């Protein structure tokens, strides 16, 4: 259930933050880093 419910919520959170990054900052955030 954590894989199906919580991890996708975390990944969506990271994806939204990547979209909001200042243009000069370019790097990946994913569950592998957390």
ModelCIF file with pLDDT and N, C-alpha, C, O atoms, coordinates in Angstrom:
data_MODEL
#
_entry.id   MODEL 
#
_entity.id                         1 
_entity.type                       polymer 
_entity.pdbx_number_of_molecules   1 
#
_entity_poly.entity_id                      1 
_entity_poly.type                           'polypeptide(L)' 
_entity_poly.nstd_linkage                   no 
_entity_poly.nstd_monomer                   no 
_entity_poly.pdbx_seq_one_letter_code       
;(UNK)(UNK)(UNK)(UNK)(UNK)(UNK)(UNK)(UNK)(UNK)(UNK)(UNK)(UNK)(UNK)(UNK)(UNK)(UNK)
(UNK)(UNK)(UNK)(UNK)(UNK)(UNK)(UNK)(UNK)(UNK)(UNK)(UNK)(UNK)(UNK)(UNK)(UNK)(UNK)
(UNK)(UNK)
;
_entity_poly.pdbx_seq_one_letter_code_can   XXXXXXXXXXXXXXXXXXXXXXXXXXXXXXXXXX 
_entity_poly.pdbx_strand_id                 A 
#
loop_
_entity_poly_seq.entity_id 
_entity_poly_seq.num 
_entity_poly_seq.mon_id 
_entity_poly_seq.hetero 
1 1  UNK n 
1 2  UNK n 
1 3  UNK n 
1 4  UNK n 
1 5  UNK n 
1 6  UNK n 
1 7  UNK n 
1 8  UNK n 
1 9  UNK n 
1 10 UNK n 
1 11 UNK n 
1 12 UNK n 
1 13 UNK n 
1 14 UNK n 
1 15 UNK n 
1 16 UNK n 
1 17 UNK n 
1 18 UNK n 
1 19 UNK n 
1 20 UNK n 
1 21 UNK n 
1 22 UNK n 
1 23 UNK n 
1 24 UNK n 
1 25 UNK n 
1 26 UNK n 
1 27 UNK n 
1 28 UNK n 
1 29 UNK n 
1 30 UNK n 
1 31 UNK n 
1 32 UNK n 
1 33 UNK n 
1 34 UNK n 
#
_struct_asym.id          A 
_struct_asym.entity_id   1 
#
loop_
_ma_qa_metric.id 
_ma_qa_metric.mode 
_ma_qa_metric.name 
_ma_qa_metric.software_group_id 
_ma_qa_metric.type 
1 global pLDDT . pLDDT 
2 local  pLDDT . pLDDT 
#
_ma_qa_metric_global.metric_id      1 
_ma_qa_metric_global.metric_value   74.26 
_ma_qa_metric_global.model_id       1 
_ma_qa_metric_global.ordinal_id     1 
#
loop_
_ma_qa_metric_local.label_asym_id 
_ma_qa_metric_local.label_comp_id 
_ma_qa_metric_local.label_seq_id 
_ma_qa_metric_local.metric_id 
_ma_qa_metric_local.metric_value 
_ma_qa_metric_local.model_id 
_ma_qa_metric_local.ordinal_id 
A UNK 1  2 85.00 1 1  
A UNK 2  2 84.00 1 2  
A UNK 3  2 82.00 1 3  
A UNK 4  2 87.00 1 4  
A UNK 5  2 89.00 1 5  
A UNK 6  2 88.00 1 6  
A UNK 7  2 85.00 1 7  
A UNK 8  2 89.00 1 8  
A UNK 9  2 91.00 1 9  
A UNK 10 2 88.00 1 10 
A UNK 11 2 86.00 1 11 
A UNK 12 2 89.00 1 12 
A UNK 13 2 89.00 1 13 
A UNK 14 2 86.00 1 14 
A UNK 15 2 85.00 1 15 
A UNK 16 2 87.00 1 16 
A UNK 17 2 86.00 1 17 
A UNK 18 2 81.00 1 18 
A UNK 19 2 83.00 1 19 
A UNK 20 2 83.00 1 20 
A UNK 21 2 79.00 1 21 
A UNK 22 2 76.00 1 22 
A UNK 23 2 68.00 1 23 
A UNK 24 2 62.00 1 24 
A UNK 25 2 65.00 1 25 
A UNK 26 2 56.00 1 26 
A UNK 27 2 51.00 1 27 
A UNK 28 2 55.00 1 28 
A UNK 29 2 51.00 1 29 
A UNK 30 2 49.00 1 30 
A UNK 31 2 46.00 1 31 
A UNK 32 2 49.00 1 32 
A UNK 33 2 48.00 1 33 
A UNK 34 2 47.00 1 34 
#
loop_
_atom_site.group_PDB 
_atom_site.id 
_atom_site.type_symbol 
_atom_site.label_atom_id 
_atom_site.label_alt_id 
_atom_site.label_comp_id 
_atom_site.label_asym_id 
_atom_site.label_entity_id 
_atom_site.label_seq_id 
_atom_site.pdbx_PDB_ins_code 
_atom_site.Cartn_x 
_atom_site.Cartn_y 
_atom_site.Cartn_z 
_atom_site.occupancy 
_atom_site.B_iso_or_equiv 
_atom_site.pdbx_formal_charge 
_atom_site.auth_seq_id 
_atom_site.auth_comp_id 
_atom_site.auth_asym_id 
_atom_site.auth_atom_id 
_atom_site.pdbx_PDB_model_num 
ATOM 1   N N  . UNK A 1 1  ? 0.828  -1.210 0.000   1.00 85.00 ? 1  UNK A N  1 
ATOM 2   C CA . UNK A 1 1  ? 0.000  0.000  0.000   1.00 85.00 ? 1  UNK A CA 1 
ATOM 3   C C  . UNK A 1 1  ? 0.861  1.258  0.000   1.00 85.00 ? 1  UNK A C  1 
ATOM 4   O O  . UNK A 1 1  ? 0.524  2.241  -0.659  1.00 85.00 ? 1  UNK A O  1 
ATOM 5   N N  . UNK A 1 2  ? 1.962  1.231  0.731   1.00 84.00 ? 2  UNK A N  1 
ATOM 6   C CA . UNK A 1 2  ? 2.862  2.391  0.735   1.00 84.00 ? 2  UNK A CA 1 
ATOM 7   C C  . UNK A 1 2  ? 3.435  2.623  -0.657  1.00 84.00 ? 2  UNK A C  1 
ATOM 8   O O  . UNK A 1 2  ? 3.571  3.766  -1.092  1.00 84.00 ? 2  UNK A O  1 
ATOM 9   N N  . UNK A 1 3  ? 3.770  1.542  -1.357  1.00 82.00 ? 3  UNK A N  1 
ATOM 10  C CA . UNK A 1 3  ? 4.291  1.686  -2.718  1.00 82.00 ? 3  UNK A CA 1 
ATOM 11  C C  . UNK A 1 3  ? 3.230  2.275  -3.648  1.00 82.00 ? 3  UNK A C  1 
ATOM 12  O O  . UNK A 1 3  ? 3.535  3.087  -4.522  1.00 82.00 ? 3  UNK A O  1 
ATOM 13  N N  . UNK A 1 4  ? 1.991  1.858  -3.448  1.00 87.00 ? 4  UNK A N  1 
ATOM 14  C CA . UNK A 1 4  ? 0.935  2.269  -4.369  1.00 87.00 ? 4  UNK A CA 1 
ATOM 15  C C  . UNK A 1 4  ? 0.313  3.618  -4.013  1.00 87.00 ? 4  UNK A C  1 
ATOM 16  O O  . UNK A 1 4  ? -0.194 4.314  -4.892  1.00 87.00 ? 4  UNK A O  1 
ATOM 17  N N  . UNK A 1 5  ? 0.345  3.996  -2.729  1.00 89.00 ? 5  UNK A N  1 
ATOM 18  C CA . UNK A 1 5  ? -0.336 5.211  -2.297  1.00 89.00 ? 5  UNK A CA 1 
ATOM 19  C C  . UNK A 1 5  ? 0.634  6.321  -1.879  1.00 89.00 ? 5  UNK A C  1 
ATOM 20  O O  . UNK A 1 5  ? 0.490  7.466  -2.305  1.00 89.00 ? 5  UNK A O  1 
ATOM 21  N N  . UNK A 1 6  ? 1.622  5.980  -1.045  1.00 88.00 ? 6  UNK A N  1 
ATOM 22  C CA . UNK A 1 6  ? 2.469  7.022  -0.474  1.00 88.00 ? 6  UNK A CA 1 
ATOM 23  C C  . UNK A 1 6  ? 3.623  7.409  -1.395  1.00 88.00 ? 6  UNK A C  1 
ATOM 24  O O  . UNK A 1 6  ? 3.898  8.595  -1.576  1.00 88.00 ? 6  UNK A O  1 
ATOM 25  N N  . UNK A 1 7  ? 4.296  6.426  -1.974  1.00 85.00 ? 7  UNK A N  1 
ATOM 26  C CA . UNK A 1 7  ? 5.421  6.754  -2.845  1.00 85.00 ? 7  UNK A CA 1 
ATOM 27  C C  . UNK A 1 7  ? 4.990  7.584  -4.054  1.00 85.00 ? 7  UNK A C  1 
ATOM 28  O O  . UNK A 1 7  ? 5.694  8.532  -4.401  1.00 85.00 ? 7  UNK A O  1 
ATOM 29  N N  . UNK A 1 8  ? 3.858  7.274  -4.721  1.00 89.00 ? 8  UNK A N  1 
ATOM 30  C CA . UNK A 1 8  ? 3.435  8.168  -5.812  1.00 89.00 ? 8  UNK A CA 1 
ATOM 31  C C  . UNK A 1 8  ? 3.155  9.590  -5.338  1.00 89.00 ? 8  UNK A C  1 
ATOM 32  O O  . UNK A 1 8  ? 3.428  10.549 -6.061  1.00 89.00 ? 8  UNK A O  1 
ATOM 33  N N  . UNK A 1 9  ? 2.609  9.736  -4.123  1.00 91.00 ? 9  UNK A N  1 
ATOM 34  C CA . UNK A 1 9  ? 2.363  11.082 -3.597  1.00 91.00 ? 9  UNK A CA 1 
ATOM 35  C C  . UNK A 1 9  ? 3.680  11.830 -3.397  1.00 91.00 ? 9  UNK A C  1 
ATOM 36  O O  . UNK A 1 9  ? 3.776  13.023 -3.686  1.00 91.00 ? 9  UNK A O  1 
ATOM 37  N N  . UNK A 1 10 ? 4.690  11.122 -2.901  1.00 88.00 ? 10 UNK A N  1 
ATOM 38  C CA . UNK A 1 10 ? 6.013  11.727 -2.738  1.00 88.00 ? 10 UNK A CA 1 
ATOM 39  C C  . UNK A 1 10 ? 6.589  12.117 -4.105  1.00 88.00 ? 10 UNK A C  1 
ATOM 40  O O  . UNK A 1 10 ? 7.142  13.204 -4.265  1.00 88.00 ? 10 UNK A O  1 
ATOM 41  N N  . UNK A 1 11 ? 6.451  11.212 -5.092  1.00 86.00 ? 11 UNK A N  1 
ATOM 42  C CA . UNK A 1 11 ? 7.017  11.499 -6.404  1.00 86.00 ? 11 UNK A CA 1 
ATOM 43  C C  . UNK A 1 11 ? 6.318  12.688 -7.066  1.00 86.00 ? 11 UNK A C  1 
ATOM 44  O O  . UNK A 1 11 ? 6.970  13.512 -7.706  1.00 86.00 ? 11 UNK A O  1 
ATOM 45  N N  . UNK A 1 12 ? 4.989  12.780 -6.914  1.00 89.00 ? 12 UNK A N  1 
ATOM 46  C CA . UNK A 1 12 ? 4.277  13.938 -7.462  1.00 89.00 ? 12 UNK A CA 1 
ATOM 47  C C  . UNK A 1 12 ? 4.754  15.229 -6.790  1.00 89.00 ? 12 UNK A C  1 
ATOM 48  O O  . UNK A 1 12 ? 4.903  16.261 -7.443  1.00 89.00 ? 12 UNK A O  1 
ATOM 49  N N  . UNK A 1 13 ? 4.986  15.157 -5.506  1.00 89.00 ? 13 UNK A N  1 
ATOM 50  C CA . UNK A 1 13 ? 5.516  16.297 -4.747  1.00 89.00 ? 13 UNK A CA 1 
ATOM 51  C C  . UNK A 1 13 ? 6.868  16.727 -5.318  1.00 89.00 ? 13 UNK A C  1 
ATOM 52  O O  . UNK A 1 13 ? 7.102  17.917 -5.528  1.00 89.00 ? 13 UNK A O  1 
ATOM 53  N N  . UNK A 1 14 ? 7.753  15.769 -5.568  1.00 86.00 ? 14 UNK A N  1 
ATOM 54  C CA . UNK A 1 14 ? 9.063  16.088 -6.125  1.00 86.00 ? 14 UNK A CA 1 
ATOM 55  C C  . UNK A 1 14 ? 8.943  16.640 -7.536  1.00 86.00 ? 14 UNK A C  1 
ATOM 56  O O  . UNK A 1 14 ? 9.649  17.579 -7.904  1.00 86.00 ? 14 UNK A O  1 
ATOM 57  N N  . UNK A 1 15 ? 8.040  16.052 -8.334  1.00 85.00 ? 15 UNK A N  1 
ATOM 58  C CA . UNK A 1 15 ? 7.870  16.521 -9.712  1.00 85.00 ? 15 UNK A CA 1 
ATOM 59  C C  . UNK A 1 15 ? 7.412  17.979 -9.740  1.00 85.00 ? 15 UNK A C  1 
ATOM 60  O O  . UNK A 1 15 ? 7.902  18.767 -10.548 1.00 85.00 ? 15 UNK A O  1 
ATOM 61  N N  . UNK A 1 16 ? 6.476  18.338 -8.863  1.00 87.00 ? 16 UNK A N  1 
ATOM 62  C CA . UNK A 1 16 ? 6.005  19.727 -8.819  1.00 87.00 ? 16 UNK A CA 1 
ATOM 63  C C  . UNK A 1 16 ? 7.120  20.678 -8.406  1.00 87.00 ? 16 UNK A C  1 
ATOM 64  O O  . UNK A 1 16 ? 7.207  21.802 -8.900  1.00 87.00 ? 16 UNK A O  1 
ATOM 65  N N  . UNK A 1 17 ? 7.975  20.214 -7.490  1.00 86.00 ? 17 UNK A N  1 
ATOM 66  C CA . UNK A 1 17 ? 9.080  21.069 -7.053  1.00 86.00 ? 17 UNK A CA 1 
ATOM 67  C C  . UNK A 1 17 ? 10.114 21.244 -8.158  1.00 86.00 ? 17 UNK A C  1 
ATOM 68  O O  . UNK A 1 17 ? 10.680 22.326 -8.312  1.00 86.00 ? 17 UNK A O  1 
ATOM 69  N N  . UNK A 1 18 ? 10.362 20.189 -8.927  1.00 81.00 ? 18 UNK A N  1 
ATOM 70  C CA . UNK A 1 18 ? 11.296 20.315 -10.054 1.00 81.00 ? 18 UNK A CA 1 
ATOM 71  C C  . UNK A 1 18 ? 10.771 21.333 -11.062 1.00 81.00 ? 18 UNK A C  1 
ATOM 72  O O  . UNK A 1 18 ? 11.537 22.135 -11.597 1.00 81.00 ? 18 UNK A O  1 
ATOM 73  N N  . UNK A 1 19 ? 9.456  21.299 -11.322 1.00 83.00 ? 19 UNK A N  1 
ATOM 74  C CA . UNK A 1 19 ? 8.860  22.271 -12.245 1.00 83.00 ? 19 UNK A CA 1 
ATOM 75  C C  . UNK A 1 19 ? 9.011  23.699 -11.734 1.00 83.00 ? 19 UNK A C  1 
ATOM 76  O O  . UNK A 1 19 ? 9.063  24.642 -12.524 1.00 83.00 ? 19 UNK A O  1 
ATOM 77  N N  . UNK A 1 20 ? 9.081  23.858 -10.406 1.00 83.00 ? 20 UNK A N  1 
ATOM 78  C CA . UNK A 1 20 ? 9.165  25.196 -9.812  1.00 83.00 ? 20 UNK A CA 1 
ATOM 79  C C  . UNK A 1 20 ? 10.596 25.673 -9.608  1.00 83.00 ? 20 UNK A C  1 
ATOM 80  O O  . UNK A 1 20 ? 10.811 26.777 -9.107  1.00 83.00 ? 20 UNK A O  1 
ATOM 81  N N  . UNK A 1 21 ? 11.585 24.855 -9.990  1.00 79.00 ? 21 UNK A N  1 
ATOM 82  C CA . UNK A 1 21 ? 12.981 25.243 -9.778  1.00 79.00 ? 21 UNK A CA 1 
ATOM 83  C C  . UNK A 1 21 ? 13.325 26.517 -10.546 1.00 79.00 ? 21 UNK A C  1 
ATOM 84  O O  . UNK A 1 21 ? 12.856 26.704 -11.668 1.00 79.00 ? 21 UNK A O  1 
ATOM 85  N N  . UNK A 1 22 ? 14.150 27.407 -9.949  1.00 76.00 ? 22 UNK A N  1 
ATOM 86  C CA . UNK A 1 22 ? 14.679 28.538 -10.708 1.00 76.00 ? 22 UNK A CA 1 
ATOM 87  C C  . UNK A 1 22 ? 15.406 28.048 -11.960 1.00 76.00 ? 22 UNK A C  1 
ATOM 88  O O  . UNK A 1 22 ? 16.007 26.974 -11.953 1.00 76.00 ? 22 UNK A O  1 
ATOM 89  N N  . UNK A 1 23 ? 15.350 28.834 -13.028 1.00 68.00 ? 23 UNK A N  1 
ATOM 90  C CA . UNK A 1 23 ? 15.846 28.381 -14.331 1.00 68.00 ? 23 UNK A CA 1 
ATOM 91  C C  . UNK A 1 23 ? 17.325 28.036 -14.314 1.00 68.00 ? 23 UNK A C  1 
ATOM 92  O O  . UNK A 1 23 ? 17.755 27.191 -15.098 1.00 68.00 ? 23 UNK A O  1 
ATOM 93  N N  . UNK A 1 24 ? 18.118 28.656 -13.451 1.00 62.00 ? 24 UNK A N  1 
ATOM 94  C CA . UNK A 1 24 ? 19.556 28.367 -13.434 1.00 62.00 ? 24 UNK A CA 1 
ATOM 95  C C  . UNK A 1 24 ? 19.870 27.043 -12.730 1.00 62.00 ? 24 UNK A C  1 
ATOM 96  O O  . UNK A 1 24 ? 20.975 26.517 -12.856 1.00 62.00 ? 24 UNK A O  1 
ATOM 97  N N  . UNK A 1 25 ? 18.905 26.514 -11.998 1.00 65.00 ? 25 UNK A N  1 
ATOM 98  C CA . UNK A 1 25 ? 19.133 25.268 -11.275 1.00 65.00 ? 25 UNK A CA 1 
ATOM 99  C C  . UNK A 1 25 ? 18.507 24.141 -12.075 1.00 65.00 ? 25 UNK A C  1 
ATOM 100 O O  . UNK A 1 25 ? 17.322 24.179 -12.406 1.00 65.00 ? 25 UNK A O  1 
ATOM 101 N N  . UNK A 1 26 ? 19.318 23.139 -12.381 1.00 56.00 ? 26 UNK A N  1 
ATOM 102 C CA . UNK A 1 26 ? 18.833 22.040 -13.222 1.00 56.00 ? 26 UNK A CA 1 
ATOM 103 C C  . UNK A 1 26 ? 19.383 20.732 -12.694 1.00 56.00 ? 26 UNK A C  1 
ATOM 104 O O  . UNK A 1 26 ? 20.531 20.380 -12.968 1.00 56.00 ? 26 UNK A O  1 
ATOM 105 N N  . UNK A 1 27 ? 18.577 20.016 -11.943 1.00 51.00 ? 27 UNK A N  1 
ATOM 106 C CA . UNK A 1 27 ? 18.983 18.699 -11.467 1.00 51.00 ? 27 UNK A CA 1 
ATOM 107 C C  . UNK A 1 27 ? 17.745 17.882 -11.190 1.00 51.00 ? 27 UNK A C  1 
ATOM 108 O O  . UNK A 1 27 ? 16.631 18.405 -11.159 1.00 51.00 ? 27 UNK A O  1 
ATOM 109 N N  . UNK A 1 28 ? 17.950 16.593 -10.989 1.00 55.00 ? 28 UNK A N  1 
ATOM 110 C CA . UNK A 1 28 ? 16.820 15.672 -10.842 1.00 55.00 ? 28 UNK A CA 1 
ATOM 111 C C  . UNK A 1 28 ? 16.566 15.386 -9.372  1.00 55.00 ? 28 UNK A C  1 
ATOM 112 O O  . UNK A 1 28 ? 17.499 15.223 -8.586  1.00 55.00 ? 28 UNK A O  1 
ATOM 113 N N  . UNK A 1 29 ? 15.280 15.326 -9.009  1.00 51.00 ? 29 UNK A N  1 
ATOM 114 C CA . UNK A 1 29 ? 14.868 14.856 -7.690  1.00 51.00 ? 29 UNK A CA 1 
ATOM 115 C C  . UNK A 1 29 ? 13.989 13.633 -7.903  1.00 51.00 ? 29 UNK A C  1 
ATOM 116 O O  . UNK A 1 29 ? 13.022 13.695 -8.662  1.00 51.00 ? 29 UNK A O  1 
ATOM 117 N N  . UNK A 1 30 ? 14.306 12.533 -7.252  1.00 49.00 ? 30 UNK A N  1 
ATOM 118 C CA . UNK A 1 30 ? 13.474 11.337 -7.382  1.00 49.00 ? 30 UNK A CA 1 
ATOM 119 C C  . UNK A 1 30 ? 13.587 10.510 -6.120  1.00 49.00 ? 30 UNK A C  1 
ATOM 120 O O  . UNK A 1 30 ? 14.350 10.836 -5.211  1.00 49.00 ? 30 UNK A O  1 
ATOM 121 N N  . UNK A 1 31 ? 12.812 9.429  -6.074  1.00 46.00 ? 31 UNK A N  1 
ATOM 122 C CA . UNK A 1 31 ? 12.800 8.607  -4.862  1.00 46.00 ? 31 UNK A CA 1 
ATOM 123 C C  . UNK A 1 31 ? 14.147 7.976  -4.593  1.00 46.00 ? 31 UNK A C  1 
ATOM 124 O O  . UNK A 1 31 ? 14.447 7.630  -3.450  1.00 46.00 ? 31 UNK A O  1 
ATOM 125 N N  . UNK A 1 32 ? 14.977 7.816  -5.630  1.00 49.00 ? 32 UNK A N  1 
ATOM 126 C CA . UNK A 1 32 ? 16.311 7.272  -5.407  1.00 49.00 ? 32 UNK A CA 1 
ATOM 127 C C  . UNK A 1 32 ? 17.168 8.185  -4.562  1.00 49.00 ? 32 UNK A C  1 
ATOM 128 O O  . UNK A 1 32 ? 18.068 7.723  -3.861  1.00 49.00 ? 32 UNK A O  1 
ATOM 129 N N  . UNK A 1 33 ? 16.894 9.510  -4.622  1.00 48.00 ? 33 UNK A N  1 
ATOM 130 C CA . UNK A 1 33 ? 17.652 10.461 -3.822  1.00 48.00 ? 33 UNK A CA 1 
ATOM 131 C C  . UNK A 1 33 ? 17.092 10.595 -2.412  1.00 48.00 ? 33 UNK A C  1 
ATOM 132 O O  . UNK A 1 33 ? 17.807 10.998 -1.495  1.00 48.00 ? 33 UNK A O  1 
ATOM 133 N N  . UNK A 1 34 ? 15.815 10.258 -2.235  1.00 47.00 ? 34 UNK A N  1 
ATOM 134 C CA . UNK A 1 34 ? 15.195 10.369 -0.922  1.00 47.00 ? 34 UNK A CA 1 
ATOM 135 C C  . UNK A 1 34 ? 15.258 9.019  -0.237  1.00 47.00 ? 34 UNK A C  1 
ATOM 136 O O  . UNK A 1 34 ? 14.790 8.877  0.892   1.00 47.00 ? 34 UNK A O  1 
#
